[in-house]
Amino acid sequence: MEAEDANVSYSRWNEDVNLSSAQSQSSLIRFYNRLCTGNLGIYIRIAGAVAALVSVYILGYVTGYYVHGR
C-alpha cells in the first residue's frame, strides 16, 4: 500500500504530516529552503540589508551633490 519512493509520517496527536520525497518539492522551493533558512539565510539577509543601506547612502550623496554642489 505504500509507495516505494515516498516516506510519509503522521502523528495523530500532533497533527503533523511529514512528507519526504525527492520529487515532491520544486527546484524553486529547494532553492528557497537552502538560501533563506538557517544561518546562511541570516547572512544573506544581513548582506542584503547592508547593500540596501549603502545604495541609499550613495543615492543620497549623488543627489545632494547635484542639488547643492552645482
Protein backbone atom coordinates (compact mmCIF):
# COMPACT_ATOMS: atom_id res chain seq x y z
CA MET A 1 0.00 0.00 0.00
CA GLU A 2 2.96 2.37 0.46
CA ALA A 3 4.84 3.94 -2.41
CA GLU A 4 8.46 2.96 -2.82
CA ASP A 5 9.87 6.47 -3.30
CA ALA A 6 7.82 8.39 -0.71
CA ASN A 7 8.09 8.29 3.05
CA VAL A 8 5.05 9.65 4.89
CA SER A 9 4.98 10.02 8.64
CA TYR A 10 1.82 11.01 10.50
CA SER A 11 1.29 11.66 14.18
CA ARG A 12 -2.35 11.82 15.20
CA TRP A 13 -1.52 13.54 18.48
CA ASN A 14 0.42 16.44 16.97
CA GLU A 15 -1.43 16.57 13.65
CA ASP A 16 1.94 16.66 11.90
CA VAL A 17 2.35 15.20 8.46
CA ASN A 18 5.90 14.82 7.21
CA LEU A 19 6.30 14.05 3.54
CA SER A 20 9.77 13.09 2.44
CA SER A 21 10.15 12.64 -1.28
CA ALA A 22 12.75 13.79 -3.75
CA GLN A 23 10.19 14.75 -6.39
CA SER A 24 7.68 16.44 -4.08
CA GLN A 25 9.43 19.82 -3.99
CA SER A 26 10.07 22.02 -6.96
CA SER A 27 13.53 23.35 -7.60
CA LEU A 28 12.41 26.84 -6.58
CA ILE A 29 11.24 25.60 -3.16
CA ARG A 30 14.52 23.73 -2.65
CA PHE A 31 16.43 26.87 -3.66
CA TYR A 32 14.39 28.94 -1.17
CA ASN A 33 14.90 26.42 1.62
CA ARG A 34 18.64 26.35 1.04
CA LEU A 35 19.21 30.12 0.79
CA CYS A 36 16.54 31.66 3.02
CA THR A 37 16.56 29.47 6.12
CA GLY A 38 19.17 28.73 8.74
CA ASN A 39 22.46 30.54 9.24
CA LEU A 40 23.03 31.07 5.53
CA GLY A 41 19.66 32.80 5.26
CA ILE A 42 20.56 35.13 8.11
CA TYR A 43 23.86 36.04 6.46
CA ILE A 44 22.14 36.67 3.13
CA ARG A 45 19.55 38.93 4.79
CA ILE A 46 22.27 40.90 6.59
CA ALA A 47 24.24 41.30 3.36
CA GLY A 48 21.09 42.46 1.55
CA ALA A 49 20.30 44.99 4.28
CA VAL A 50 23.85 46.37 4.20
CA ALA A 51 23.76 46.58 0.39
CA ALA A 52 20.43 48.44 0.52
CA LEU A 53 21.78 50.84 3.16
CA VAL A 54 24.92 51.57 1.13
CA SER A 55 22.94 52.09 -2.07
CA VAL A 56 20.59 54.56 -0.34
CA TYR A 57 23.61 56.39 1.09
CA ILE A 58 25.25 56.64 -2.35
CA LEU A 59 21.98 57.76 -3.94
CA GLY A 60 21.61 60.48 -1.30
CA TYR A 61 25.21 61.59 -1.75
CA VAL A 62 24.88 61.87 -5.53
CA THR A 63 21.52 63.62 -5.26
CA GLY A 64 22.90 66.09 -2.71
CA TYR A 65 25.91 66.77 -4.88
CA TYR A 66 23.79 67.66 -7.89
CA VAL A 67 21.27 69.68 -5.89
CA HIS A 68 23.67 71.65 -3.67
CA GLY A 69 27.05 71.35 -5.38
CA ARG A 70 26.38 72.84 -8.76
